[in-house]
C-alpha atoms as a PDB file:
ATOM      1  CA  MET A   1      21.883 -15.272   2.851  1.00  0.00           C
ATOM      2  CA  ILE A   2      18.193 -15.910   2.068  1.00  0.00           C
ATOM      3  CA  LYS A   3      18.455 -12.760  -0.504  1.00  0.00           C
ATOM      4  CA  ASN A   4      21.456 -13.824  -2.158  1.00  0.00           C
ATOM      5  CA  LEU A   5      19.985 -17.547  -3.074  1.00  0.00           C
ATOM      6  CA  LYS A   6      16.913 -15.615  -4.394  1.00  0.00           C
ATOM      7  CA  ILE A   7      19.291 -13.954  -6.831  1.00  0.00           C
ATOM      8  CA  VAL A   8      21.168 -16.315  -7.886  1.00  0.00           C
ATOM      9  CA  CYS A   9      17.683 -18.538  -8.235  1.00  0.00           C
ATOM     10  CA  PHE A  10      16.427 -15.716 -11.029  1.00  0.00           C
ATOM     11  CA  MET A  11      20.297 -15.560 -12.392  1.00  0.00           C
ATOM     12  CA  VAL A  12      19.751 -19.076 -12.629  1.00  0.00           C
ATOM     13  CA  LEU A  13      15.799 -18.804 -14.127  1.00  0.00           C
ATOM     14  CA  LEU A  14      16.778 -16.203 -16.603  1.00  0.00           C
ATOM     15  CA  THR A  15      19.775 -17.861 -18.323  1.00  0.00           C
ATOM     16  CA  LEU A  16      17.389 -21.468 -18.465  1.00  0.00           C
ATOM     17  CA  CYS A  17      14.880 -18.773 -20.109  1.00  0.00           C
ATOM     18  CA  ASN A  18      17.606 -17.383 -22.481  1.00  0.00           C
ATOM     19  CA  GLN A  19      18.792 -20.725 -23.194  1.00  0.00           C
ATOM     20  CA  VAL A  20      15.013 -21.726 -24.405  1.00  0.00           C
ATOM     21  CA  PHE A  21      14.653 -18.005 -26.132  1.00  0.00           C
ATOM     22  CA  SER A  22      17.743 -19.070 -27.996  1.00  0.00           C
ATOM     23  CA  GLU A  23      17.027 -22.495 -29.164  1.00  0.00           C
ATOM     24  CA  GLU A  24      13.212 -21.838 -30.022  1.00  0.00           C
ATOM     25  CA  ASN A  25      13.757 -18.705 -31.783  1.00  0.00           C
ATOM     26  CA  THR A  26      17.208 -19.869 -33.841  1.00  0.00           C
ATOM     27  CA  GLU A  27      15.877 -22.616 -36.106  1.00  0.00           C
ATOM     28  CA  TYR A  28      14.729 -20.710 -38.783  1.00  0.00           C
ATOM     29  CA  SER A  29      13.420 -22.909 -40.781  1.00  0.00           C
ATOM     30  CA  SER A  30      10.589 -23.627 -39.340  1.00  0.00           C
ATOM     31  CA  ARG A  31       9.966 -19.648 -37.660  1.00  0.00           C
ATOM     32  CA  ASP A  32       6.817 -18.339 -38.712  1.00  0.00           C
ATOM     33  CA  ASP A  33       8.065 -15.034 -39.619  1.00  0.00           C
ATOM     34  CA  VAL A  34      10.805 -15.753 -41.495  1.00  0.00           C
ATOM     35  CA  LYS A  35       8.178 -17.448 -43.963  1.00  0.00           C
ATOM     36  CA  ALA A  36       6.449 -14.573 -44.277  1.00  0.00           C
ATOM     37  CA  TYR A  37       9.409 -12.750 -44.941  1.00  0.00           C
ATOM     38  CA  ALA A  38       9.880 -15.608 -47.371  1.00  0.00           C
ATOM     39  CA  SER A  39       6.406 -15.455 -49.401  1.00  0.00           C
ATOM     40  CA  TYR A  40       7.060 -11.332 -49.033  1.00  0.00           C
ATOM     41  CA  LEU A  41       9.875 -11.164 -50.910  1.00  0.00           C
ATOM     42  CA  ALA A  42       8.961 -14.270 -53.437  1.00  0.00           C
ATOM     43  CA  THR A  43       5.948 -12.194 -54.578  1.00  0.00           C
ATOM     44  CA  LYS A  44       8.362  -8.616 -54.162  1.00  0.00           C
ATOM     45  CA  HIS A  45      10.875  -9.924 -56.361  1.00  0.00           C
ATOM     46  CA  ASP A  46       9.658 -12.684 -58.315  1.00  0.00           C
ATOM     47  CA  PHE A  47      12.374 -15.512 -55.780  1.00  0.00           C
ATOM     48  CA  ASP A  48      11.237 -19.196 -55.651  1.00  0.00           C
ATOM     49  CA  PHE A  49      10.020 -19.955 -52.776  1.00  0.00           C
ATOM     50  CA  ASP A  50      10.999 -23.098 -51.768  1.00  0.00           C
ATOM     51  CA  GLU A  51      14.591 -22.395 -52.642  1.00  0.00           C
ATOM     52  CA  LEU A  52      14.294 -19.077 -50.256  1.00  0.00           C
ATOM     53  CA  ILE A  53      12.896 -21.280 -47.086  1.00  0.00           C
ATOM     54  CA  ASP A  54      15.722 -23.690 -47.588  1.00  0.00           C
ATOM     55  CA  LEU A  55      18.888 -20.936 -47.826  1.00  0.00           C
ATOM     56  CA  LEU A  56      17.109 -18.952 -45.158  1.00  0.00           C
ATOM     57  CA  GLY A  57      16.677 -21.572 -43.157  1.00  0.00           C
ATOM     58  CA  GLY A  58      20.264 -23.021 -43.845  1.00  0.00           C
ATOM     59  CA  ALA A  59      21.635 -19.962 -42.048  1.00  0.00           C
ATOM     60  CA  VAL A  60      23.255 -20.667 -38.772  1.00  0.00           C
ATOM     61  CA  PHE A  61      21.852 -17.860 -35.213  1.00  0.00           C
ATOM     62  CA  GLN A  62      25.791 -16.432 -34.315  1.00  0.00           C
ATOM     63  CA  GLU A  63      24.913 -15.258 -31.053  1.00  0.00           C
ATOM     64  CA  LYS A  64      28.718 -12.910 -30.997  1.00  0.00           C
ATOM     65  CA  VAL A  65      27.299 -10.940 -33.607  1.00  0.00           C
ATOM     66  CA  VAL A  66      24.504 -10.120 -31.176  1.00  0.00           C
ATOM     67  CA  ARG A  67      27.366  -9.387 -28.565  1.00  0.00           C
ATOM     68  CA  ILE A  68      29.756  -7.492 -30.554  1.00  0.00           C
ATOM     69  CA  MET A  69      26.466  -5.189 -31.493  1.00  0.00           C
ATOM     70  CA  ASN A  70      25.926  -4.188 -28.448  1.00  0.00           C
ATOM     71  CA  ARG A  71      29.447  -2.748 -26.960  1.00  0.00           C
ATOM     72  CA  GLN A  72      31.178  -1.338 -30.703  1.00  0.00           C
ATOM     73  CA  PRO A  73      33.968   0.154 -29.282  1.00  0.00           C
ATOM     74  CA  GLU A  74      33.684   3.629 -30.847  1.00  0.00           C
ATOM     75  CA  GLY A  75      30.461   3.958 -27.948  1.00  0.00           C
ATOM     76  CA  THR A  76      32.804   2.833 -24.860  1.00  0.00           C
ATOM     77  CA  MET A  77      35.707   4.455 -25.964  1.00  0.00           C
ATOM     78  CA  THR A  78      37.335   7.722 -25.046  1.00  0.00           C
ATOM     79  CA  TRP A  79      38.793   9.628 -28.542  1.00  0.00           C
ATOM     80  CA  SER A  80      42.443   8.738 -27.084  1.00  0.00           C
ATOM     81  CA  LYS A  81      41.579   5.616 -26.925  1.00  0.00           C
ATOM     82  CA  TYR A  82      40.312   4.880 -29.852  1.00  0.00           C
ATOM     83  CA  LYS A  83      42.983   6.921 -32.335  1.00  0.00           C
ATOM     84  CA  ASN A  84      46.340   5.006 -30.861  1.00  0.00           C
ATOM     85  CA  MET A  85      43.573   2.365 -31.777  1.00  0.00           C
ATOM     86  CA  MET A  86      42.858   3.347 -35.593  1.00  0.00           C
ATOM     87  CA  ILE A  87      45.902   5.268 -36.940  1.00  0.00           C
ATOM     88  CA  SER A  88      48.694   2.837 -35.688  1.00  0.00           C
ATOM     89  CA  GLU A  89      52.387   2.674 -36.820  1.00  0.00           C
ATOM     90  CA  SER A  90      51.954  -0.459 -38.267  1.00  0.00           C
ATOM     91  CA  ARG A  91      48.857   1.031 -40.547  1.00  0.00           C
ATOM     92  CA  ILE A  92      50.333   3.925 -42.179  1.00  0.00           C
ATOM     93  CA  ASN A  93      53.077   1.727 -42.953  1.00  0.00           C
ATOM     94  CA  ALA A  94      50.200  -0.626 -45.140  1.00  0.00           C
ATOM     95  CA  GLY A  95      49.007   2.692 -45.747  1.00  0.00           C
ATOM     96  CA  LYS A  96      51.865   3.675 -47.237  1.00  0.00           C
ATOM     97  CA  GLU A  97      52.160   0.334 -49.561  1.00  0.00           C
ATOM     98  CA  PHE A  98      48.480   0.686 -50.211  1.00  0.00           C
ATOM     99  CA  ILE A  99      50.199   4.077 -51.983  1.00  0.00           C
ATOM    100  CA  SER A 100      52.643   2.987 -53.668  1.00  0.00           C
ATOM    101  CA  LEU A 101      50.616   0.710 -55.107  1.00  0.00           C
ATOM    102  CA  TYR A 102      48.002   2.348 -56.766  1.00  0.00           C
ATOM    103  CA  ARG A 103      48.929   5.967 -56.395  1.00  0.00           C
ATOM    104  CA  ASN A 104      46.961   6.459 -59.778  1.00  0.00           C
ATOM    105  CA  ASP A 105      43.936   4.743 -59.116  1.00  0.00           C
ATOM    106  CA  LEU A 106      43.575   6.628 -56.285  1.00  0.00           C
ATOM    107  CA  LYS A 107      44.303   9.776 -58.081  1.00  0.00           C
ATOM    108  CA  ARG A 108      42.346   9.744 -60.797  1.00  0.00           C
ATOM    109  CA  ALA A 109      39.276   8.536 -58.493  1.00  0.00           C
ATOM    110  CA  GLU A 110      40.454  11.958 -57.216  1.00  0.00           C
ATOM    111  CA  ASP A 111      39.864  13.549 -60.014  1.00  0.00           C
ATOM    112  CA  ILE A 112      36.326  11.682 -61.134  1.00  0.00           C
ATOM    113  CA  TYR A 113      34.804  11.945 -58.138  1.00  0.00           C
ATOM    114  CA  GLY A 114      36.839  14.960 -56.225  1.00  0.00           C
ATOM    115  CA  VAL A 115      36.865  13.043 -53.491  1.00  0.00           C
ATOM    116  CA  PRO A 116      40.790  13.668 -51.628  1.00  0.00           C
ATOM    117  CA  ALA A 117      42.726  10.473 -52.421  1.00  0.00           C
ATOM    118  CA  GLU A 118      44.377  10.457 -48.874  1.00  0.00           C
ATOM    119  CA  VAL A 119      40.553  10.001 -47.852  1.00  0.00           C
ATOM    120  CA  ILE A 120      39.878   7.458 -50.223  1.00  0.00           C
ATOM    121  CA  ALA A 121      42.933   5.559 -48.711  1.00  0.00           C
ATOM    122  CA  SER A 122      42.180   6.095 -44.804  1.00  0.00           C
ATOM    123  CA  ILE A 123      38.288   5.044 -45.541  1.00  0.00           C
ATOM    124  CA  ILE A 124      40.160   2.029 -46.485  1.00  0.00           C
ATOM    125  CA  GLY A 125      42.545   1.203 -44.375  1.00  0.00           C
ATOM    126  CA  ILE A 126      40.434   1.929 -41.633  1.00  0.00           C
ATOM    127  CA  GLU A 127      38.541  -0.237 -42.666  1.00  0.00           C
ATOM    128  CA  THR A 128      39.718  -3.139 -43.474  1.00  0.00           C
ATOM    129  CA  ARG A 129      42.861  -2.597 -42.899  1.00  0.00           C
ATOM    130  CA  TYR A 130      43.713  -2.250 -47.327  1.00  0.00           C
ATOM    131  CA  GLY A 131      41.615  -5.639 -47.252  1.00  0.00           C
ATOM    132  CA  ARG A 132      43.834  -7.704 -44.715  1.00  0.00           C
ATOM    133  CA  ILE A 133      40.265  -7.825 -42.688  1.00  0.00           C
ATOM    134  CA  THR A 134      37.458  -7.824 -44.498  1.00  0.00           C
ATOM    135  CA  GLY A 135      35.982 -10.495 -41.719  1.00  0.00           C
ATOM    136  CA  ASN A 136      35.447 -14.366 -41.793  1.00  0.00           C
ATOM    137  CA  THR A 137      31.152 -14.313 -40.887  1.00  0.00           C
ATOM    138  CA  ARG A 138      28.731 -15.535 -43.564  1.00  0.00           C
ATOM    139  CA  VAL A 139      26.815 -12.507 -44.509  1.00  0.00           C
ATOM    140  CA  LEU A 140      24.019 -14.519 -44.828  1.00  0.00           C
ATOM    141  CA  ASP A 141      24.026 -15.679 -40.991  1.00  0.00           C
ATOM    142  CA  SER A 142      24.740 -12.137 -39.190  1.00  0.00           C
ATOM    143  CA  LEU A 143      21.880 -10.249 -41.697  1.00  0.00           C
ATOM    144  CA  MET A 144      19.471 -13.275 -40.331  1.00  0.00           C
ATOM    145  CA  THR A 145      20.968 -13.317 -37.545  1.00  0.00           C
ATOM    146  CA  LEU A 146      20.619  -9.781 -36.862  1.00  0.00           C
ATOM    147  CA  SER A 147      16.770 -10.078 -38.789  1.00  0.00           C
ATOM    148  CA  PHE A 148      15.706 -11.901 -36.571  1.00  0.00           C
ATOM    149  CA  ASN A 149      17.227 -12.280 -32.845  1.00  0.00           C
ATOM    150  CA  TYR A 150      18.698  -8.759 -32.926  1.00  0.00           C
ATOM    151  CA  PRO A 151      14.911  -7.056 -32.335  1.00  0.00           C
ATOM    152  CA  ARG A 152      16.512  -3.302 -31.624  1.00  0.00           C
ATOM    153  CA  ARG A 153      17.330  -2.776 -35.768  1.00  0.00           C
ATOM    154  CA  SER A 154      15.028  -5.943 -37.120  1.00  0.00           C
ATOM    155  CA  LYS A 155      13.827  -3.537 -39.673  1.00  0.00           C
ATOM    156  CA  PHE A 156      17.558  -1.934 -41.296  1.00  0.00           C
ATOM    157  CA  PHE A 157      18.761  -5.399 -41.264  1.00  0.00           C
ATOM    158  CA  LYS A 158      15.693  -7.277 -42.998  1.00  0.00           C
ATOM    159  CA  THR A 159      16.014  -4.107 -45.494  1.00  0.00           C
ATOM    160  CA  GLN A 160      19.819  -5.328 -45.440  1.00  0.00           C
ATOM    161  CA  LEU A 161      18.707  -9.038 -46.115  1.00  0.00           C
ATOM    162  CA  GLU A 162      16.400  -8.224 -49.250  1.00  0.00           C
ATOM    163  CA  GLU A 163      19.473  -6.582 -51.108  1.00  0.00           C
ATOM    164  CA  PHE A 164      21.832  -8.789 -49.973  1.00  0.00           C
ATOM    165  CA  LEU A 165      19.697 -11.618 -52.069  1.00  0.00           C
ATOM    166  CA  LEU A 166      19.055  -9.263 -54.692  1.00  0.00           C
ATOM    167  CA  LEU A 167      23.081  -8.508 -55.239  1.00  0.00           C
ATOM    168  CA  SER A 168      23.720 -11.872 -55.466  1.00  0.00           C
ATOM    169  CA  ARG A 169      20.743 -12.242 -57.383  1.00  0.00           C
ATOM    170  CA  GLU A 170      22.150  -9.470 -59.364  1.00  0.00           C
ATOM    171  CA  GLU A 171      25.847 -10.278 -59.403  1.00  0.00           C
ATOM    172  CA  GLY A 172      26.184 -14.403 -59.250  1.00  0.00           C
ATOM    173  CA  PHE A 173      27.209 -13.786 -55.702  1.00  0.00           C
ATOM    174  CA  GLU A 174      26.037 -17.574 -54.498  1.00  0.00           C
ATOM    175  CA  PRO A 175      25.209 -16.048 -51.269  1.00  0.00           C
ATOM    176  CA  LYS A 176      26.216 -19.375 -48.857  1.00  0.00           C
ATOM    177  CA  LEU A 177      29.860 -19.024 -49.968  1.00  0.00           C
ATOM    178  CA  ILE A 178      30.015 -14.679 -49.199  1.00  0.00           C
ATOM    179  CA  GLU A 179      31.583 -13.375 -45.439  1.00  0.00           C
ATOM    180  CA  GLY A 180      31.755 -10.193 -44.004  1.00  0.00           C
ATOM    181  CA  SER A 181      31.919  -8.003 -40.956  1.00  0.00           C
ATOM    182  CA  ILE A 182      29.622  -8.696 -38.119  1.00  0.00           C
ATOM    183  CA  ALA A 183      26.999  -6.695 -39.583  1.00  0.00           C
ATOM    184  CA  GLY A 184      27.352  -8.344 -42.931  1.00  0.00           C
ATOM    185  CA  ALA A 185      29.590  -5.295 -44.289  1.00  0.00           C
ATOM    186  CA  MET A 186      31.617  -6.641 -47.075  1.00  0.00           C
ATOM    187  CA  GLY A 187      34.706  -6.135 -49.290  1.00  0.00           C
ATOM    188  CA  TYR A 188      37.635  -3.518 -49.471  1.00  0.00           C
ATOM    189  CA  GLY A 189      35.323  -0.001 -48.165  1.00  0.00           C
ATOM    190  CA  GLN A 190      33.237  -2.411 -46.139  1.00  0.00           C
ATOM    191  CA  PHE A 191      30.667  -1.898 -48.018  1.00  0.00           C
ATOM    192  CA  MET A 192      26.362  -2.505 -46.684  1.00  0.00           C
ATOM    193  CA  PRO A 193      24.052  -4.540 -49.329  1.00  0.00           C
ATOM    194  CA  ASP A 194      22.383  -1.920 -50.770  1.00  0.00           C
ATOM    195  CA  SER A 195      25.523   0.363 -50.378  1.00  0.00           C
ATOM    196  CA  TYR A 196      26.692  -2.670 -52.497  1.00  0.00           C
ATOM    197  CA  ARG A 197      24.186  -2.378 -55.582  1.00  0.00           C
ATOM    198  CA  LYS A 198      23.882   1.304 -55.226  1.00  0.00           C
ATOM    199  CA  TYR A 199      27.504   3.166 -54.578  1.00  0.00           C
ATOM    200  CA  ALA A 200      29.621   0.401 -56.167  1.00  0.00           C
ATOM    201  CA  VAL A 201      31.650   0.840 -60.069  1.00  0.00           C
ATOM    202  CA  ASP A 202      33.968  -1.603 -61.572  1.00  0.00           C
ATOM    203  CA  PHE A 203      37.159   1.175 -61.838  1.00  0.00           C
ATOM    204  CA  ASP A 204      39.112  -0.845 -63.488  1.00  0.00           C
ATOM    205  CA  LEU A 205      36.555  -1.949 -66.077  1.00  0.00           C
ATOM    206  CA  ASP A 206      37.010  -5.266 -66.172  1.00  0.00           C
ATOM    207  CA  GLY A 207      33.255  -5.638 -66.651  1.00  0.00           C
ATOM    208  CA  VAL A 208      32.508  -6.330 -63.369  1.00  0.00           C
ATOM    209  CA  ARG A 209      32.021  -4.333 -59.876  1.00  0.00           C
ATOM    210  CA  ASP A 210      34.080  -6.561 -57.398  1.00  0.00           C
ATOM    211  CA  ILE A 211      34.641  -4.922 -54.398  1.00  0.00           C
ATOM    212  CA  LEU A 212      34.817  -7.413 -52.596  1.00  0.00           C
ATOM    213  CA  ASN A 213      38.636  -8.909 -53.724  1.00  0.00           C
ATOM    214  CA  ASN A 214      39.286  -6.131 -56.313  1.00  0.00           C
ATOM    215  CA  PRO A 215      41.425  -3.282 -54.422  1.00  0.00           C
ATOM    216  CA  ILE A 216      40.774  -0.656 -57.765  1.00  0.00           C
ATOM    217  CA  ASP A 217      37.361  -0.706 -57.354  1.00  0.00           C
ATOM    218  CA  ALA A 218      36.833  -0.505 -53.808  1.00  0.00           C
ATOM    219  CA  ILE A 219      39.109   3.004 -54.507  1.00  0.00           C
ATOM    220  CA  GLY A 220      36.740   3.780 -57.454  1.00  0.00           C
ATOM    221  CA  SER A 221      33.580   2.737 -54.871  1.00  0.00           C
ATOM    222  CA  VAL A 222      34.354   4.552 -51.886  1.00  0.00           C
ATOM    223  CA  ALA A 223      35.015   7.413 -54.537  1.00  0.00           C
ATOM    224  CA  ASN A 224      31.753   7.533 -56.051  1.00  0.00           C
ATOM    225  CA  PHE A 225      29.484   6.307 -52.253  1.00  0.00           C
ATOM    226  CA  LEU A 226      31.185   9.712 -51.002  1.00  0.00           C
ATOM    227  CA  SER A 227      30.523  11.597 -53.804  1.00  0.00           C
ATOM    228  CA  LYS A 228      27.080  10.490 -53.820  1.00  0.00           C
ATOM    229  CA  LYS A 229      25.578   9.629 -50.670  1.00  0.00           C
ATOM    230  CA  GLY A 230      28.162  11.748 -48.541  1.00  0.00           C
ATOM    231  CA  LYS A 231      27.606  14.945 -51.108  1.00  0.00           C
ATOM    232  CA  TRP A 232      31.234  15.277 -50.930  1.00  0.00           C
ATOM    233  CA  LYS A 233      32.235  19.076 -51.476  1.00  0.00           C
ATOM    234  CA  PRO A 234      36.473  19.202 -53.450  1.00  0.00           C
ATOM    235  CA  ASN A 235      38.576  21.624 -51.583  1.00  0.00           C
ATOM    236  CA  THR A 236      36.333  22.803 -48.416  1.00  0.00           C
ATOM    237  CA  PRO A 237      38.173  21.261 -45.250  1.00  0.00           C
ATOM    238  CA  ILE A 238      36.590  18.498 -43.571  1.00  0.00           C
ATOM    239  CA  ALA A 239      37.843  20.002 -39.924  1.00  0.00           C
ATOM    240  CA  ILE A 240      39.444  21.979 -38.109  1.00  0.00           C
ATOM    241  CA  ARG A 241      41.107  23.101 -34.294  1.00  0.00           C
ATOM    242  CA  ALA A 242      39.497  24.869 -32.006  1.00  0.00           C
ATOM    243  CA  PHE A 243      40.290  26.348 -28.157  1.00  0.00           C
ATOM    244  CA  SER A 244      38.005  26.584 -25.557  1.00  0.00           C
ATOM    245  CA  ASN A 245      37.125  30.083 -24.007  1.00  0.00           C
ATOM    246  CA  SER A 246      35.260  28.657 -22.064  1.00  0.00           C
ATOM    247  CA  ALA A 247      35.294  25.981 -18.591  1.00  0.00           C
ATOM    248  CA  ASP A 248      31.548  25.130 -19.451  1.00  0.00           C
ATOM    249  CA  ILE A 249      31.066  24.972 -23.002  1.00  0.00           C
ATOM    250  CA  SER A 250      27.680  22.786 -24.025  1.00  0.00           C
ATOM    251  CA  PHE A 251      25.852  22.638 -27.776  1.00  0.00           C
ATOM    252  CA  LYS A 252      24.119  20.705 -29.889  1.00  0.00           C
ATOM    253  CA  SER A 253      24.908  16.610 -31.021  1.00  0.00           C
ATOM    254  CA  SER A 254      25.192  16.944 -35.068  1.00  0.00           C
ATOM    255  CA  PHE A 255      26.669  15.509 -38.011  1.00  0.00           C
ATOM    256  CA  LYS A 256      25.607  18.283 -40.045  1.00  0.00           C
ATOM    257  CA  PRO A 257      26.833  21.860 -39.247  1.00  0.00           C
ATOM    258  CA  TYR A 258      24.340  24.110 -38.478  1.00  0.00           C
ATOM    259  CA  MET A 259      26.484  27.744 -36.517  1.00  0.00           C
ATOM    260  CA  THR A 260      27.577  30.479 -38.118  1.00  0.00           C
ATOM    261  CA  PRO A 261      31.285  31.364 -36.871  1.00  0.00           C
ATOM    262  CA  ILE A 262      29.186  34.555 -34.922  1.00  0.00           C
ATOM    263  CA  GLU A 263      27.117  31.956 -33.364  1.00  0.00           C
ATOM    264  CA  LEU A 264      30.794  30.092 -32.346  1.00  0.00           C
ATOM    265  CA  THR A 265      32.730  33.235 -30.822  1.00  0.00           C
ATOM    266  CA  LYS A 266      29.484  33.298 -28.731  1.00  0.00           C
ATOM    267  CA  LEU A 267      29.480  30.244 -27.459  1.00  0.00           C
ATOM    268  CA  GLY A 268      32.680  29.956 -26.075  1.00  0.00           C
ATOM    269  CA  LEU A 269      35.027  28.611 -28.912  1.00  0.00           C
ATOM    270  CA  GLU A 270      37.755  29.882 -31.564  1.00  0.00           C
ATOM    271  CA  PRO A 271      38.736  28.109 -34.728  1.00  0.00           C
ATOM    272  CA  GLN A 272      42.717  27.374 -34.948  1.00  0.00           C
ATOM    273  CA  GLU A 273      42.612  28.980 -38.052  1.00  0.00           C
ATOM    274  CA  LYS A 274      40.283  31.029 -40.660  1.00  0.00           C
ATOM    275  CA  ILE A 275      36.963  30.403 -41.698  1.00  0.00           C
ATOM    276  CA  SER A 276      36.848  30.682 -45.120  1.00  0.00           C
ATOM    277  CA  GLY A 277      33.334  31.978 -46.884  1.00  0.00           C
ATOM    278  CA  ASN A 278      30.051  31.874 -44.490  1.00  0.00           C
ATOM    279  CA  LEU A 279      30.588  28.122 -44.423  1.00  0.00           C
ATOM    280  CA  LYS A 280      28.442  26.162 -41.212  1.00  0.00           C
ATOM    281  CA  ILE A 281      29.756  25.300 -38.167  1.00  0.00           C
ATOM    282  CA  VAL A 282      28.926  21.950 -35.823  1.00  0.00           C
ATOM    283  CA  PRO A 283      31.122  21.941 -32.684  1.00  0.00           C
ATOM    284  CA  ILE A 284      32.825  18.318 -32.299  1.00  0.00           C
ATOM    285  CA  ALA A 285      34.275  17.671 -28.492  1.00  0.00           C
ATOM    286  CA  LEU A 286      36.153  14.160 -28.233  1.00  0.00           C
ATOM    287  CA  GLU A 287      37.038  13.085 -24.577  1.00  0.00           C
ATOM    288  CA  LEU A 288      40.297  12.680 -23.366  1.00  0.00           C
ATOM    289  CA  ASP A 289      41.263  10.954 -21.043  1.00  0.00           C
ATOM    290  CA  GLY A 290      41.135  14.029 -19.416  1.00  0.00           C
ATOM    291  CA  GLY A 291      39.337  16.291 -20.111  1.00  0.00           C
ATOM    292  CA  PHE A 292      38.177  17.514 -23.990  1.00  0.00           C
ATOM    293  CA  GLU A 293      39.662  17.922 -27.546  1.00  0.00           C
ATOM    294  CA  PHE A 294      37.339  20.754 -29.729  1.00  0.00           C
ATOM    295  CA  TRP A 295      36.926  20.967 -33.611  1.00  0.00           C
ATOM    296  CA  LEU A 296      34.501  21.972 -36.082  1.00  0.00           C
ATOM    297  CA  GLY A 297      33.680  20.009 -38.521  1.00  0.00           C
ATOM    298  CA  PHE A 298      32.254  20.859 -42.253  1.00  0.00           C
ATOM    299  CA  ASP A 299      30.659  19.861 -45.070  1.00  0.00           C
ATOM    300  CA  ASN A 300      32.895  16.515 -45.729  1.00  0.00           C
ATOM    301  CA  TYR A 301      32.800  15.987 -42.022  1.00  0.00           C
ATOM    302  CA  TYR A 302      28.614  15.282 -42.689  1.00  0.00           C
ATOM    303  CA  SER A 303      29.716  13.628 -46.604  1.00  0.00           C
ATOM    304  CA  LEU A 304      31.901  11.352 -43.906  1.00  0.00           C
ATOM    305  CA  SER A 305      29.437  10.365 -41.179  1.00  0.00           C
ATOM    306  CA  ARG A 306      26.901   8.910 -43.897  1.00  0.00           C
ATOM    307  CA  TYR A 307      29.761   6.223 -43.713  1.00  0.00           C
ATOM    308  CA  ASN A 308      29.701   5.364 -39.967  1.00  0.00           C
ATOM    309  CA  ARG A 309      27.246   8.083 -37.979  1.00  0.00           C
ATOM    310  CA  SER A 310      30.095   8.243 -34.942  1.00  0.00           C
ATOM    311  CA  LYS A 311      32.158  11.220 -35.073  1.00  0.00           C
ATOM    312  CA  LEU A 312      34.902   9.119 -33.396  1.00  0.00           C
ATOM    313  CA  TYR A 313      35.473   7.128 -36.737  1.00  0.00           C
ATOM    314  CA  VAL A 314      35.006  10.232 -38.454  1.00  0.00           C
ATOM    315  CA  MET A 315      37.860  12.290 -36.390  1.00  0.00           C
ATOM    316  CA  ALA A 316      39.675   8.976 -37.058  1.00  0.00           C
ATOM    317  CA  VAL A 317      39.534   8.922 -41.124  1.00  0.00           C
ATOM    318  CA  PHE A 318      40.017  12.684 -41.128  1.00  0.00           C
ATOM    319  CA  GLU A 319      43.473  12.402 -38.773  1.00  0.00           C
ATOM    320  CA  PHE A 320      44.754   8.946 -40.505  1.00  0.00           C
ATOM    321  CA  SER A 321      44.416  10.590 -43.837  1.00  0.00           C
ATOM    322  CA  ARG A 322      45.958  13.241 -42.839  1.00  0.00           C
ATOM    323  CA  SER A 323      49.418  11.373 -42.037  1.00  0.00           C
ATOM    324  CA  LEU A 324      49.065   9.857 -45.596  1.00  0.00           C
ATOM    325  CA  SER A 325      49.068  12.433 -47.552  1.00  0.00           C
ATOM    326  CA  VAL A 326      52.481  12.628 -46.776  1.00  0.00           C
ATOM    327  CA  PHE A 327      52.998   9.267 -49.237  1.00  0.00           C
ATOM    328  CA  LEU A 328      51.116  11.535 -52.426  1.00  0.00           C
END
């Protein structure tokens, strides 16, 4: 009884401390670290300090952002559940419709950047269901919350916040109005601010790089991202299935290929298809609801991982692209 009472008291005290912590750390306009950050940006990029403090101080802490960031599905689901969630019949039908509308633009992007049309369509479908779900949280709120109330990745998100402010100035955005994901990703392809600045393209040639509302610009931008950041290799596979010849297989987890076919055989994995040339391979183990499924990834598996560093995500894009290829 006494032990249980102590536990209850401790939990109450912890809750009160968390409440105090939240209240003290979400009034951004009065925080010294926010002021120091604003001063740094004003000096580095010639922003007006007072305007910057007014903008950043008006951000609203989002508890849901921290909560969801700590429970991403890629880190908690088996491949079986994740695949069923991401490659549903409704998403395939939406992909078919998207391809019907933008087939010429997808093919043009493939011709220019070397990225298959079905892969481009797959990413946009996985990310936002073709623009239907692009996020309804203010990017300013998300990035401020993650920069100043999420210590684990605050450095990364402070950089993204800096990029977002620069992007808004360059593109003429009103930063208070732009909405996106809980991580601050935006538009059809869910680009983070730095990726928007580096890889977004004006693919319909109307003079504006708009991946927030323009699916044609999004098509070109996704292809450009994979080509430049992902170093996409045309006419190279993404992955092939493998059979296991051993009940006990262990290997280094990686996105970048590092094994030769001979090393793979010694490991106890046999490719289901012939591996051409001298391609390096990365073995992939996907957890099912019972057992494992094995795949072998190539350079373009690594390329897709530059979009999202989750093997479940990469394999979902790959599998979904195979479903969409019949419509092209």
